[in-house]
Amino acid sequence: MTSLKEWMDAQWQAPGVKFSGHGVVYLGTDLKTMTKANWKNIKRAIREKYEWPGGYPLFIAMRDGEALSIDAARANWRHICRAYVSGDMRDSWYPAEAMVNWENPDLYCAHTNNRIESAYADD
């Protein structure tokens, strides 16, 4: 099992927002601030576990490169809000973006260690 950060670093060398051939989005280390749109997407993902239309499974990419399942994000919403309001991006609860897990069958939640469902990977 590899962490989300290790997997992303293996995919791309340069930081930034990239799209792979598999349709996976990578938020690199040059993301300095969270926009209101990002925060709105995170709140929406926590309310609704699947992206619509299509019903694609969501997860929260944390600022430190780890993945957090929606269930874990719901259970730890106070920690996420506190990190966001404080603006401390070194806090491990600071979220980066709500994302769809398109094809990574080895993506696990950093908090619960449960597998995060993927949209198209063989289970």
PDB file of N, CA and C in Angstrom:
ATOM      1  N   MET A   1       0.848  -1.182   0.000  1.00  0.00           N
ATOM      2  CA  MET A   1       0.000   0.000   0.000  1.00  0.00           C
ATOM      3  C   MET A   1       0.889   1.239   0.000  1.00  0.00           C
ATOM      4  N   THR A   2       0.628   2.132  -0.905  1.00  0.00           N
ATOM      5  CA  THR A   2       1.369   3.386  -0.949  1.00  0.00           C
ATOM      6  C   THR A   2       0.448   4.525  -0.538  1.00  0.00           C
ATOM      7  N   SER A   3       1.058   5.584   0.004  1.00  0.00           N
ATOM      8  CA  SER A   3       0.251   6.741   0.364  1.00  0.00           C
ATOM      9  C   SER A   3      -0.113   7.509  -0.898  1.00  0.00           C
ATOM     10  N   LEU A   4      -1.103   8.357  -0.790  1.00  0.00           N
ATOM     11  CA  LEU A   4      -1.523   9.167  -1.931  1.00  0.00           C
ATOM     12  C   LEU A   4      -0.371  10.041  -2.409  1.00  0.00           C
ATOM     13  N   LYS A   5       0.387  10.615  -1.472  1.00  0.00           N
ATOM     14  CA  LYS A   5       1.497  11.476  -1.843  1.00  0.00           C
ATOM     15  C   LYS A   5       2.561  10.704  -2.623  1.00  0.00           C
ATOM     16  N   GLU A   6       2.925   9.502  -2.158  1.00  0.00           N
ATOM     17  CA  GLU A   6       3.911   8.695  -2.875  1.00  0.00           C
ATOM     18  C   GLU A   6       3.419   8.341  -4.269  1.00  0.00           C
ATOM     19  N   TRP A   7       2.141   7.989  -4.365  1.00  0.00           N
ATOM     20  CA  TRP A   7       1.581   7.629  -5.650  1.00  0.00           C
ATOM     21  C   TRP A   7       1.587   8.825  -6.598  1.00  0.00           C
ATOM     22  N   MET A   8       1.175  10.010  -6.081  1.00  0.00           N
ATOM     23  CA  MET A   8       1.143  11.207  -6.918  1.00  0.00           C
ATOM     24  C   MET A   8       2.549  11.614  -7.349  1.00  0.00           C
ATOM     25  N   ASP A   9       3.499  11.544  -6.430  1.00  0.00           N
ATOM     26  CA  ASP A   9       4.873  11.918  -6.772  1.00  0.00           C
ATOM     27  C   ASP A   9       5.458  10.995  -7.834  1.00  0.00           C
ATOM     28  N   ALA A  10       5.043   9.735  -7.817  1.00  0.00           N
ATOM     29  CA  ALA A  10       5.517   8.810  -8.844  1.00  0.00           C
ATOM     30  C   ALA A  10       4.928   9.137 -10.208  1.00  0.00           C
ATOM     31  N   GLN A  11       3.746   9.762 -10.216  1.00  0.00           N
ATOM     32  CA  GLN A  11       3.085  10.084 -11.476  1.00  0.00           C
ATOM     33  C   GLN A  11       3.665  11.331 -12.143  1.00  0.00           C
ATOM     34  N   TRP A  12       3.994  12.324 -11.343  1.00  0.00           N
ATOM     35  CA  TRP A  12       4.461  13.590 -11.884  1.00  0.00           C
ATOM     36  C   TRP A  12       5.623  14.122 -11.075  1.00  0.00           C
ATOM     37  N   GLN A  13       6.563  14.729 -11.741  1.00  0.00           N
ATOM     38  CA  GLN A  13       7.722  15.299 -11.067  1.00  0.00           C
ATOM     39  C   GLN A  13       7.490  16.757 -10.684  1.00  0.00           C
ATOM     40  N   ALA A  14       6.854  17.515 -11.536  1.00  0.00           N
ATOM     41  CA  ALA A  14       6.635  18.942 -11.278  1.00  0.00           C
ATOM     42  C   ALA A  14       5.343  19.139 -10.496  1.00  0.00           C
ATOM     43  N   PRO A  15       5.342  20.061  -9.527  1.00  0.00           N
ATOM     44  CA  PRO A  15       4.117  20.318  -8.782  1.00  0.00           C
ATOM     45  C   PRO A  15       3.110  21.099  -9.617  1.00  0.00           C
ATOM     46  N   GLY A  16       1.894  21.107  -9.178  1.00  0.00           N
ATOM     47  CA  GLY A  16       0.847  21.862  -9.856  1.00  0.00           C
ATOM     48  C   GLY A  16      -0.363  21.003 -10.117  1.00  0.00           C
ATOM     49  N   VAL A  17      -1.308  21.536 -10.799  1.00  0.00           N
ATOM     50  CA  VAL A  17      -2.507  20.787 -11.137  1.00  0.00           C
ATOM     51  C   VAL A  17      -2.258  20.120 -12.474  1.00  0.00           C
ATOM     52  N   LYS A  18      -2.330  18.803 -12.499  1.00  0.00           N
ATOM     53  CA  LYS A  18      -2.050  18.024 -13.701  1.00  0.00           C
ATOM     54  C   LYS A  18      -3.178  17.042 -13.948  1.00  0.00           C
ATOM     55  N   PHE A  19      -3.306  16.615 -15.181  1.00  0.00           N
ATOM     56  CA  PHE A  19      -4.255  15.577 -15.527  1.00  0.00           C
ATOM     57  C   PHE A  19      -3.485  14.436 -16.165  1.00  0.00           C
ATOM     58  N   SER A  20      -3.681  13.241 -15.659  1.00  0.00           N
ATOM     59  CA  SER A  20      -2.996  12.084 -16.229  1.00  0.00           C
ATOM     60  C   SER A  20      -3.868  11.467 -17.300  1.00  0.00           C
ATOM     61  N   GLY A  21      -3.350  10.455 -17.946  1.00  0.00           N
ATOM     62  CA  GLY A  21      -4.126   9.736 -18.931  1.00  0.00           C
ATOM     63  C   GLY A  21      -5.291   8.989 -18.313  1.00  0.00           C
ATOM     64  N   HIS A  22      -5.228   8.779 -17.003  1.00  0.00           N
ATOM     65  CA  HIS A  22      -6.297   8.074 -16.307  1.00  0.00           C
ATOM     66  C   HIS A  22      -7.352   9.026 -15.784  1.00  0.00           C
ATOM     67  N   GLY A  23      -7.175  10.322 -15.960  1.00  0.00           N
ATOM     68  CA  GLY A  23      -8.147  11.289 -15.500  1.00  0.00           C
ATOM     69  C   GLY A  23      -8.012  11.638 -14.032  1.00  0.00           C
ATOM     70  N   VAL A  24      -6.857  11.375 -13.430  1.00  0.00           N
ATOM     71  CA  VAL A  24      -6.651  11.670 -12.023  1.00  0.00           C
ATOM     72  C   VAL A  24      -6.082  13.072 -11.888  1.00  0.00           C
ATOM     73  N   VAL A  25      -6.578  13.821 -10.939  1.00  0.00           N
ATOM     74  CA  VAL A  25      -6.106  15.180 -10.712  1.00  0.00           C
ATOM     75  C   VAL A  25      -5.079  15.163  -9.589  1.00  0.00           C
ATOM     76  N   TYR A  26      -3.987  15.872  -9.751  1.00  0.00           N
ATOM     77  CA  TYR A  26      -2.948  15.975  -8.724  1.00  0.00           C
ATOM     78  C   TYR A  26      -2.810  17.425  -8.305  1.00  0.00           C
ATOM     79  N   LEU A  27      -2.951  17.684  -7.028  1.00  0.00           N
ATOM     80  CA  LEU A  27      -2.715  19.014  -6.494  1.00  0.00           C
ATOM     81  C   LEU A  27      -1.318  19.022  -5.906  1.00  0.00           C
ATOM     82  N   GLY A  28      -0.420  19.730  -6.538  1.00  0.00           N
ATOM     83  CA  GLY A  28       0.971  19.711  -6.111  1.00  0.00           C
ATOM     84  C   GLY A  28       1.283  20.688  -5.010  1.00  0.00           C
ATOM     85  N   THR A  29       2.553  20.795  -4.701  1.00  0.00           N
ATOM     86  CA  THR A  29       2.991  21.574  -3.560  1.00  0.00           C
ATOM     87  C   THR A  29       2.940  23.078  -3.789  1.00  0.00           C
ATOM     88  N   ASP A  30       2.611  23.532  -5.001  1.00  0.00           N
ATOM     89  CA  ASP A  30       2.553  24.974  -5.221  1.00  0.00           C
ATOM     90  C   ASP A  30       1.178  25.557  -4.896  1.00  0.00           C
ATOM     91  N   LEU A  31       0.269  24.753  -4.380  1.00  0.00           N
ATOM     92  CA  LEU A  31      -1.025  25.249  -3.963  1.00  0.00           C
ATOM     93  C   LEU A  31      -0.846  25.975  -2.637  1.00  0.00           C
ATOM     94  N   LYS A  32      -0.836  27.293  -2.666  1.00  0.00           N
ATOM     95  CA  LYS A  32      -0.531  28.095  -1.476  1.00  0.00           C
ATOM     96  C   LYS A  32      -1.767  28.474  -0.689  1.00  0.00           C
ATOM     97  N   THR A  33      -2.847  28.721  -1.368  1.00  0.00           N
ATOM     98  CA  THR A  33      -4.053  29.135  -0.672  1.00  0.00           C
ATOM     99  C   THR A  33      -5.243  28.353  -1.198  1.00  0.00           C
ATOM    100  N   MET A  34      -6.232  28.227  -0.368  1.00  0.00           N
ATOM    101  CA  MET A  34      -7.455  27.569  -0.779  1.00  0.00           C
ATOM    102  C   MET A  34      -8.449  28.643  -1.212  1.00  0.00           C
ATOM    103  N   THR A  35      -9.044  28.435  -2.358  1.00  0.00           N
ATOM    104  CA  THR A  35     -10.045  29.386  -2.823  1.00  0.00           C
ATOM    105  C   THR A  35     -11.386  29.075  -2.174  1.00  0.00           C
ATOM    106  N   LYS A  36     -12.293  30.023  -2.245  1.00  0.00           N
ATOM    107  CA  LYS A  36     -13.635  29.791  -1.718  1.00  0.00           C
ATOM    108  C   LYS A  36     -14.321  28.672  -2.486  1.00  0.00           C
ATOM    109  N   ALA A  37     -14.005  28.539  -3.774  1.00  0.00           N
ATOM    110  CA  ALA A  37     -14.594  27.465  -4.576  1.00  0.00           C
ATOM    111  C   ALA A  37     -14.126  26.105  -4.069  1.00  0.00           C
ATOM    112  N   ASN A  38     -12.845  25.974  -3.725  1.00  0.00           N
ATOM    113  CA  ASN A  38     -12.334  24.717  -3.168  1.00  0.00           C
ATOM    114  C   ASN A  38     -13.072  24.367  -1.883  1.00  0.00           C
ATOM    115  N   TRP A  39     -13.196  25.350  -0.988  1.00  0.00           N
ATOM    116  CA  TRP A  39     -13.854  25.119   0.295  1.00  0.00           C
ATOM    117  C   TRP A  39     -15.322  24.735   0.076  1.00  0.00           C
ATOM    118  N   LYS A  40     -15.966  25.375  -0.884  1.00  0.00           N
ATOM    119  CA  LYS A  40     -17.358  25.056  -1.198  1.00  0.00           C
ATOM    120  C   LYS A  40     -17.469  23.615  -1.716  1.00  0.00           C
ATOM    121  N   ASN A  41     -16.529  23.200  -2.570  1.00  0.00           N
ATOM    122  CA  ASN A  41     -16.522  21.829  -3.084  1.00  0.00           C
ATOM    123  C   ASN A  41     -16.303  20.811  -1.975  1.00  0.00           C
ATOM    124  N   ILE A  42     -15.442  21.138  -1.017  1.00  0.00           N
ATOM    125  CA  ILE A  42     -15.183  20.231   0.105  1.00  0.00           C
ATOM    126  C   ILE A  42     -16.433  20.073   0.956  1.00  0.00           C
ATOM    127  N   LYS A  43     -17.090  21.170   1.261  1.00  0.00           N
ATOM    128  CA  LYS A  43     -18.317  21.101   2.057  1.00  0.00           C
ATOM    129  C   LYS A  43     -19.396  20.292   1.330  1.00  0.00           C
ATOM    130  N   ARG A  44     -19.511  20.496   0.026  1.00  0.00           N
ATOM    131  CA  ARG A  44     -20.500  19.752  -0.765  1.00  0.00           C
ATOM    132  C   ARG A  44     -20.181  18.259  -0.772  1.00  0.00           C
ATOM    133  N   ALA A  45     -18.887  17.911  -0.887  1.00  0.00           N
ATOM    134  CA  ALA A  45     -18.479  16.503  -0.901  1.00  0.00           C
ATOM    135  C   ALA A  45     -18.779  15.828   0.428  1.00  0.00           C
ATOM    136  N   ILE A  46     -18.629  16.548   1.517  1.00  0.00           N
ATOM    137  CA  ILE A  46     -18.908  15.960   2.823  1.00  0.00           C
ATOM    138  C   ILE A  46     -20.409  15.739   3.004  1.00  0.00           C
ATOM    139  N   ARG A  47     -21.211  16.616   2.421  1.00  0.00           N
ATOM    140  CA  ARG A  47     -22.664  16.423   2.478  1.00  0.00           C
ATOM    141  C   ARG A  47     -23.112  15.298   1.544  1.00  0.00           C
ATOM    142  N   GLU A  48     -22.498  15.219   0.371  1.00  0.00           N
ATOM    143  CA  GLU A  48     -22.884  14.246  -0.650  1.00  0.00           C
ATOM    144  C   GLU A  48     -21.658  13.430  -1.013  1.00  0.00           C
ATOM    145  N   LYS A  49     -21.658  12.158  -0.734  1.00  0.00           N
ATOM    146  CA  LYS A  49     -20.491  11.287  -0.878  1.00  0.00           C
ATOM    147  C   LYS A  49     -20.096  11.043  -2.340  1.00  0.00           C
ATOM    148  N   TYR A  50     -21.022  11.269  -3.267  1.00  0.00           N
ATOM    149  CA  TYR A  50     -20.771  10.980  -4.682  1.00  0.00           C
ATOM    150  C   TYR A  50     -20.981  12.229  -5.523  1.00  0.00           C
ATOM    151  N   GLU A  51     -20.144  12.375  -6.547  1.00  0.00           N
ATOM    152  CA  GLU A  51     -20.255  13.490  -7.500  1.00  0.00           C
ATOM    153  C   GLU A  51     -21.455  13.243  -8.396  1.00  0.00           C
ATOM    154  N   TRP A  52     -22.170  14.315  -8.687  1.00  0.00           N
ATOM    155  CA  TRP A  52     -23.326  14.197  -9.559  1.00  0.00           C
ATOM    156  C   TRP A  52     -23.211  15.187 -10.690  1.00  0.00           C
ATOM    157  N   PRO A  53     -23.515  14.818 -11.928  1.00  0.00           N
ATOM    158  CA  PRO A  53     -24.060  13.548 -12.373  1.00  0.00           C
ATOM    159  C   PRO A  53     -22.985  12.469 -12.495  1.00  0.00           C
ATOM    160  N   GLY A  54     -23.401  11.263 -12.459  1.00  0.00           N
ATOM    161  CA  GLY A  54     -22.500  10.131 -12.655  1.00  0.00           C
ATOM    162  C   GLY A  54     -22.324   9.264 -11.428  1.00  0.00           C
ATOM    163  N   GLY A  55     -22.482   9.825 -10.252  1.00  0.00           N
ATOM    164  CA  GLY A  55     -22.333   9.035  -9.035  1.00  0.00           C
ATOM    165  C   GLY A  55     -20.911   8.589  -8.757  1.00  0.00           C
ATOM    166  N   TYR A  56     -19.913   9.413  -9.124  1.00  0.00           N
ATOM    167  CA  TYR A  56     -18.513   9.050  -8.922  1.00  0.00           C
ATOM    168  C   TYR A  56     -18.104   9.245  -7.461  1.00  0.00           C
ATOM    169  N   PRO A  57     -17.339   8.305  -6.894  1.00  0.00           N
ATOM    170  CA  PRO A  57     -16.962   8.393  -5.478  1.00  0.00           C
ATOM    171  C   PRO A  57     -15.945   9.500  -5.222  1.00  0.00           C
ATOM    172  N   LEU A  58     -16.193  10.282  -4.180  1.00  0.00           N
ATOM    173  CA  LEU A  58     -15.323  11.402  -3.820  1.00  0.00           C
ATOM    174  C   LEU A  58     -14.446  11.057  -2.622  1.00  0.00           C
ATOM    175  N   PHE A  59     -13.363  11.783  -2.480  1.00  0.00           N
ATOM    176  CA  PHE A  59     -12.535  11.762  -1.284  1.00  0.00           C
ATOM    177  C   PHE A  59     -11.944  13.150  -1.123  1.00  0.00           C
ATOM    178  N   ILE A  60     -11.383  13.422   0.043  1.00  0.00           N
ATOM    179  CA  ILE A  60     -10.763  14.710   0.303  1.00  0.00           C
ATOM    180  C   ILE A  60      -9.253  14.538   0.232  1.00  0.00           C
ATOM    181  N   ALA A  61      -8.605  15.296  -0.660  1.00  0.00           N
ATOM    182  CA  ALA A  61      -7.149  15.335  -0.710  1.00  0.00           C
ATOM    183  C   ALA A  61      -6.691  16.369   0.312  1.00  0.00           C
ATOM    184  N   MET A  62      -5.884  15.931   1.252  1.00  0.00           N
ATOM    185  CA  MET A  62      -5.419  16.827   2.298  1.00  0.00           C
ATOM    186  C   MET A  62      -4.172  17.566   1.830  1.00  0.00           C
ATOM    187  N   ARG A  63      -3.869  18.677   2.455  1.00  0.00           N
ATOM    188  CA  ARG A  63      -2.739  19.523   2.056  1.00  0.00           C
ATOM    189  C   ARG A  63      -1.402  18.799   2.179  1.00  0.00           C
ATOM    190  N   ASP A  64      -1.314  17.829   3.120  1.00  0.00           N
ATOM    191  CA  ASP A  64      -0.056  17.097   3.300  1.00  0.00           C
ATOM    192  C   ASP A  64       0.088  15.936   2.324  1.00  0.00           C
ATOM    193  N   GLY A  65      -0.874  15.787   1.402  1.00  0.00           N
ATOM    194  CA  GLY A  65      -0.769  14.765   0.367  1.00  0.00           C
ATOM    195  C   GLY A  65      -1.502  13.477   0.681  1.00  0.00           C
ATOM    196  N   GLU A  66      -2.112  13.375   1.827  1.00  0.00           N
ATOM    197  CA  GLU A  66      -2.853  12.170   2.190  1.00  0.00           C
ATOM    198  C   GLU A  66      -4.285  12.251   1.679  1.00  0.00           C
ATOM    199  N   ALA A  67      -4.931  11.087   1.606  1.00  0.00           N
ATOM    200  CA  ALA A  67      -6.327  10.999   1.195  1.00  0.00           C
ATOM    201  C   ALA A  67      -7.189  10.750   2.415  1.00  0.00           C
ATOM    202  N   LEU A  68      -8.358  11.364   2.450  1.00  0.00           N
ATOM    203  CA  LEU A  68      -9.292  11.181   3.549  1.00  0.00           C
ATOM    204  C   LEU A  68     -10.644  10.805   2.959  1.00  0.00           C
ATOM    205  N   SER A  69     -11.188   9.684   3.425  1.00  0.00           N
ATOM    206  CA  SER A  69     -12.502   9.266   2.929  1.00  0.00           C
ATOM    207  C   SER A  69     -13.555  10.269   3.389  1.00  0.00           C
ATOM    208  N   ILE A  70     -14.677  10.269   2.699  1.00  0.00           N
ATOM    209  CA  ILE A  70     -15.759  11.183   3.063  1.00  0.00           C
ATOM    210  C   ILE A  70     -16.307  10.841   4.446  1.00  0.00           C
ATOM    211  N   ASP A  71     -16.394   9.554   4.771  1.00  0.00           N
ATOM    212  CA  ASP A  71     -16.879   9.164   6.095  1.00  0.00           C
ATOM    213  C   ASP A  71     -15.953   9.673   7.195  1.00  0.00           C
ATOM    214  N   ALA A  72     -14.645   9.581   6.981  1.00  0.00           N
ATOM    215  CA  ALA A  72     -13.676  10.088   7.965  1.00  0.00           C
ATOM    216  C   ALA A  72     -13.739  11.607   8.044  1.00  0.00           C
ATOM    217  N   ALA A  73     -13.965  12.267   6.902  1.00  0.00           N
ATOM    218  CA  ALA A  73     -14.082  13.730   6.902  1.00  0.00           C
ATOM    219  C   ALA A  73     -15.319  14.177   7.671  1.00  0.00           C
ATOM    220  N   ARG A  74     -16.410  13.439   7.520  1.00  0.00           N
ATOM    221  CA  ARG A  74     -17.624  13.757   8.283  1.00  0.00           C
ATOM    222  C   ARG A  74     -17.375  13.612   9.784  1.00  0.00           C
ATOM    223  N   ALA A  75     -16.706  12.525  10.162  1.00  0.00           N
ATOM    224  CA  ALA A  75     -16.453  12.258  11.577  1.00  0.00           C
ATOM    225  C   ALA A  75     -15.487  13.270  12.190  1.00  0.00           C
ATOM    226  N   ASN A  76     -14.636  13.863  11.371  1.00  0.00           N
ATOM    227  CA  ASN A  76     -13.612  14.789  11.859  1.00  0.00           C
ATOM    228  C   ASN A  76     -13.801  16.199  11.316  1.00  0.00           C
ATOM    229  N   TRP A  77     -15.043  16.565  11.045  1.00  0.00           N
ATOM    230  CA  TRP A  77     -15.351  17.861  10.461  1.00  0.00           C
ATOM    231  C   TRP A  77     -14.823  19.013  11.310  1.00  0.00           C
ATOM    232  N   ARG A  78     -14.889  18.899  12.629  1.00  0.00           N
ATOM    233  CA  ARG A  78     -14.397  19.979  13.502  1.00  0.00           C
ATOM    234  C   ARG A  78     -12.904  20.214  13.322  1.00  0.00           C
ATOM    235  N   HIS A  79     -12.141  19.146  13.175  1.00  0.00           N
ATOM    236  CA  HIS A  79     -10.694  19.288  12.953  1.00  0.00           C
ATOM    237  C   HIS A  79     -10.411  19.980  11.622  1.00  0.00           C
ATOM    238  N   ILE A  80     -11.155  19.595  10.594  1.00  0.00           N
ATOM    239  CA  ILE A  80     -10.968  20.185   9.268  1.00  0.00           C
ATOM    240  C   ILE A  80     -11.319  21.667   9.292  1.00  0.00           C
ATOM    241  N   CYS A  81     -12.436  22.013   9.913  1.00  0.00           N
ATOM    242  CA  CYS A  81     -12.846  23.426  10.007  1.00  0.00           C
ATOM    243  C   CYS A  81     -11.830  24.239  10.799  1.00  0.00           C
ATOM    244  N   ARG A  82     -11.360  23.695  11.899  1.00  0.00           N
ATOM    245  CA  ARG A  82     -10.384  24.413  12.722  1.00  0.00           C
ATOM    246  C   ARG A  82      -9.096  24.683  11.928  1.00  0.00           C
ATOM    247  N   ALA A  83      -8.639  23.700  11.177  1.00  0.00           N
ATOM    248  CA  ALA A  83      -7.429  23.885  10.370  1.00  0.00           C
ATOM    249  C   ALA A  83      -7.648  24.932   9.285  1.00  0.00           C
ATOM    250  N   TYR A  84      -8.821  24.899   8.642  1.00  0.00           N
ATOM    251  CA  TYR A  84      -9.122  25.855   7.583  1.00  0.00           C
ATOM    252  C   TYR A  84      -9.229  27.273   8.132  1.00  0.00           C
ATOM    253  N   VAL A  85      -9.960  27.439   9.236  1.00  0.00           N
ATOM    254  CA  VAL A  85     -10.157  28.771   9.815  1.00  0.00           C
ATOM    255  C   VAL A  85      -8.836  29.344  10.328  1.00  0.00           C
ATOM    256  N   SER A  86      -7.994  28.499  10.909  1.00  0.00           N
ATOM    257  CA  SER A  86      -6.706  28.986  11.428  1.00  0.00           C
ATOM    258  C   SER A  86      -5.748  29.352  10.296  1.00  0.00           C
ATOM    259  N   GLY A  87      -5.939  28.756   9.127  1.00  0.00           N
ATOM    260  CA  GLY A  87      -5.066  29.037   7.990  1.00  0.00           C
ATOM    261  C   GLY A  87      -3.712  28.358   8.071  1.00  0.00           C
ATOM    262  N   ASP A  88      -3.538  27.457   9.036  1.00  0.00           N
ATOM    263  CA  ASP A  88      -2.258  26.761   9.213  1.00  0.00           C
ATOM    264  C   ASP A  88      -2.195  25.579   8.255  1.00  0.00           C
ATOM    265  N   MET A  89      -1.552  25.778   7.103  1.00  0.00           N
ATOM    266  CA  MET A  89      -1.479  24.726   6.095  1.00  0.00           C
ATOM    267  C   MET A  89      -0.532  23.604   6.490  1.00  0.00           C
ATOM    268  N   ARG A  90       0.183  23.749   7.604  1.00  0.00           N
ATOM    269  CA  ARG A  90       1.033  22.658   8.096  1.00  0.00           C
ATOM    270  C   ARG A  90       0.227  21.669   8.923  1.00  0.00           C
ATOM    271  N   ASP A  91      -0.989  22.055   9.294  1.00  0.00           N
ATOM    272  CA  ASP A  91      -1.875  21.174  10.052  1.00  0.00           C
ATOM    273  C   ASP A  91      -2.279  20.005   9.154  1.00  0.00           C
ATOM    274  N   SER A  92      -2.177  18.788   9.672  1.00  0.00           N
ATOM    275  CA  SER A  92      -2.495  17.610   8.856  1.00  0.00           C
ATOM    276  C   SER A  92      -3.980  17.510   8.514  1.00  0.00           C
ATOM    277  N   TRP A  93      -4.831  18.293   9.159  1.00  0.00           N
ATOM    278  CA  TRP A  93      -6.261  18.298   8.850  1.00  0.00           C
ATOM    279  C   TRP A  93      -6.620  19.351   7.807  1.00  0.00           C
ATOM    280  N   TYR A  94      -5.654  20.098   7.293  1.00  0.00           N
ATOM    281  CA  TYR A  94      -5.947  21.150   6.319  1.00  0.00           C
ATOM    282  C   TYR A  94      -6.291  20.505   4.965  1.00  0.00           C
ATOM    283  N   PRO A  95      -7.499  20.729   4.443  1.00  0.00           N
ATOM    284  CA  PRO A  95      -7.895  20.105   3.184  1.00  0.00           C
ATOM    285  C   PRO A  95      -7.383  20.888   1.978  1.00  0.00           C
ATOM    286  N   ALA A  96      -7.167  20.181   0.876  1.00  0.00           N
ATOM    287  CA  ALA A  96      -6.755  20.837  -0.366  1.00  0.00           C
ATOM    288  C   ALA A  96      -7.902  20.888  -1.364  1.00  0.00           C
ATOM    289  N   GLU A  97      -8.574  19.753  -1.565  1.00  0.00           N
ATOM    290  CA  GLU A  97      -9.633  19.708  -2.578  1.00  0.00           C
ATOM    291  C   GLU A  97     -10.435  18.426  -2.429  1.00  0.00           C
ATOM    292  N   ALA A  98     -11.684  18.475  -2.843  1.00  0.00           N
ATOM    293  CA  ALA A  98     -12.511  17.273  -2.991  1.00  0.00           C
ATOM    294  C   ALA A  98     -12.263  16.731  -4.383  1.00  0.00           C
ATOM    295  N   MET A  99     -11.968  15.455  -4.473  1.00  0.00           N
ATOM    296  CA  MET A  99     -11.586  14.859  -5.748  1.00  0.00           C
ATOM    297  C   MET A  99     -12.326  13.546  -5.981  1.00  0.00           C
ATOM    298  N   VAL A 100     -12.404  13.147  -7.246  1.00  0.00           N
ATOM    299  CA  VAL A 100     -12.959  11.849  -7.614  1.00  0.00           C
ATOM    300  C   VAL A 100     -11.809  10.864  -7.734  1.00  0.00           C
ATOM    301  N   ASN A 101     -11.975   9.680  -7.148  1.00  0.00           N
ATOM    302  CA  ASN A 101     -11.004   8.607  -7.346  1.00  0.00           C
ATOM    303  C   ASN A 101     -11.429   7.840  -8.587  1.00  0.00           C
ATOM    304  N   TRP A 102     -10.820   8.170  -9.708  1.00  0.00           N
ATOM    305  CA  TRP A 102     -11.227   7.567 -10.967  1.00  0.00           C
ATOM    306  C   TRP A 102     -10.791   6.112 -11.082  1.00  0.00           C
ATOM    307  N   GLU A 103      -9.480   5.844 -10.994  1.00  0.00           N
ATOM    308  CA  GLU A 103      -8.999   4.494 -11.303  1.00  0.00           C
ATOM    309  C   GLU A 103      -7.918   3.989 -10.360  1.00  0.00           C
ATOM    310  N   ASN A 104      -7.769   4.545  -9.180  1.00  0.00           N
ATOM    311  CA  ASN A 104      -6.728   4.070  -8.273  1.00  0.00           C
ATOM    312  C   ASN A 104      -7.320   3.050  -7.300  1.00  0.00           C
ATOM    313  N   PRO A 105      -7.081   1.744  -7.522  1.00  0.00           N
ATOM    314  CA  PRO A 105      -7.641   0.740  -6.625  1.00  0.00           C
ATOM    315  C   PRO A 105      -6.895   0.644  -5.300  1.00  0.00           C
ATOM    316  N   ASP A 106      -5.743   1.291  -5.194  1.00  0.00           N
ATOM    317  CA  ASP A 106      -4.915   1.220  -3.987  1.00  0.00           C
ATOM    318  C   ASP A 106      -4.939   2.506  -3.177  1.00  0.00           C
ATOM    319  N   LEU A 107      -6.020   3.251  -3.259  1.00  0.00           N
ATOM    320  CA  LEU A 107      -6.148   4.491  -2.499  1.00  0.00           C
ATOM    321  C   LEU A 107      -6.853   4.193  -1.182  1.00  0.00           C
ATOM    322  N   TYR A 108      -6.169   4.483  -0.077  1.00  0.00           N
ATOM    323  CA  TYR A 108      -6.691   4.191   1.261  1.00  0.00           C
ATOM    324  C   TYR A 108      -6.790   5.467   2.079  1.00  0.00           C
ATOM    325  N   CYS A 109      -7.776   5.510   2.957  1.00  0.00           N
ATOM    326  CA  CYS A 109      -7.964   6.644   3.854  1.00  0.00           C
ATOM    327  C   CYS A 109      -6.835   6.674   4.874  1.00  0.00           C
ATOM    328  N   ALA A 110      -6.234   7.828   5.065  1.00  0.00           N
ATOM    329  CA  ALA A 110      -5.128   7.973   6.014  1.00  0.00           C
ATOM    330  C   ALA A 110      -5.608   7.867   7.452  1.00  0.00           C
ATOM    331  N   HIS A 111      -6.871   8.125   7.698  1.00  0.00           N
ATOM    332  CA  HIS A 111      -7.398   8.107   9.072  1.00  0.00           C
ATOM    333  C   HIS A 111      -7.926   6.725   9.469  1.00  0.00           C
ATOM    334  N   THR A 112      -8.697   6.108   8.594  1.00  0.00           N
ATOM    335  CA  THR A 112      -9.324   4.827   8.928  1.00  0.00           C
ATOM    336  C   THR A 112      -8.625   3.628   8.306  1.00  0.00           C
ATOM    337  N   ASN A 113      -7.769   3.856   7.332  1.00  0.00           N
ATOM    338  CA  ASN A 113      -7.073   2.814   6.577  1.00  0.00           C
ATOM    339  C   ASN A 113      -8.045   1.933   5.783  1.00  0.00           C
ATOM    340  N   ASN A 114      -9.231   2.442   5.513  1.00  0.00           N
ATOM    341  CA  ASN A 114     -10.195   1.738   4.663  1.00  0.00           C
ATOM    342  C   ASN A 114      -9.961   2.149   3.220  1.00  0.00           C
ATOM    343  N   ARG A 115     -10.226   1.218   2.297  1.00  0.00           N
ATOM    344  CA  ARG A 115     -10.059   1.501   0.871  1.00  0.00           C
ATOM    345  C   ARG A 115     -11.096   2.532   0.432  1.00  0.00           C
ATOM    346  N   ILE A 116     -10.647   3.499  -0.363  1.00  0.00           N
ATOM    347  CA  ILE A 116     -11.548   4.501  -0.935  1.00  0.00           C
ATOM    348  C   ILE A 116     -12.021   3.976  -2.285  1.00  0.00           C
ATOM    349  N   GLU A 117     -13.312   3.904  -2.434  1.00  0.00           N
ATOM    350  CA  GLU A 117     -13.912   3.365  -3.645  1.00  0.00           C
ATOM    351  C   GLU A 117     -13.432   4.126  -4.881  1.00  0.00           C
ATOM    352  N   SER A 118     -13.217   3.384  -5.969  1.00  0.00           N
ATOM    353  CA  SER A 118     -12.817   4.027  -7.229  1.00  0.00           C
ATOM    354  C   SER A 118     -13.951   3.882  -8.242  1.00  0.00           C
ATOM    355  N   ALA A 119     -13.969   4.788  -9.194  1.00  0.00           N
ATOM    356  CA  ALA A 119     -15.053   4.805 -10.171  1.00  0.00           C
ATOM    357  C   ALA A 119     -14.932   3.679 -11.191  1.00  0.00           C
ATOM    358  N   TYR A 120     -13.715   3.424 -11.697  1.00  0.00           N
ATOM    359  CA  TYR A 120     -13.570   2.490 -12.804  1.00  0.00           C
ATOM    360  C   TYR A 120     -12.598   1.354 -12.578  1.00  0.00           C
ATOM    361  N   ALA A 121     -11.830   1.373 -11.515  1.00  0.00           N
ATOM    362  CA  ALA A 121     -10.846   0.303 -11.299  1.00  0.00           C
ATOM    363  C   ALA A 121     -11.558  -0.992 -10.935  1.00  0.00           C
ATOM    364  N   ASP A 122     -10.948  -2.089 -11.346  1.00  0.00           N
ATOM    365  CA  ASP A 122     -11.504  -3.400 -10.988  1.00  0.00           C
ATOM    366  C   ASP A 122     -11.340  -3.623  -9.503  1.00  0.00           C
ATOM    367  N   ASP A 123     -12.413  -3.957  -8.830  1.00  0.00           N
ATOM    368  CA  ASP A 123     -12.371  -4.179  -7.384  1.00  0.00           C
ATOM    369  C   ASP A 123     -11.991  -5.594  -7.039  1.00  0.00           C
TER     370      ASP A 123
END
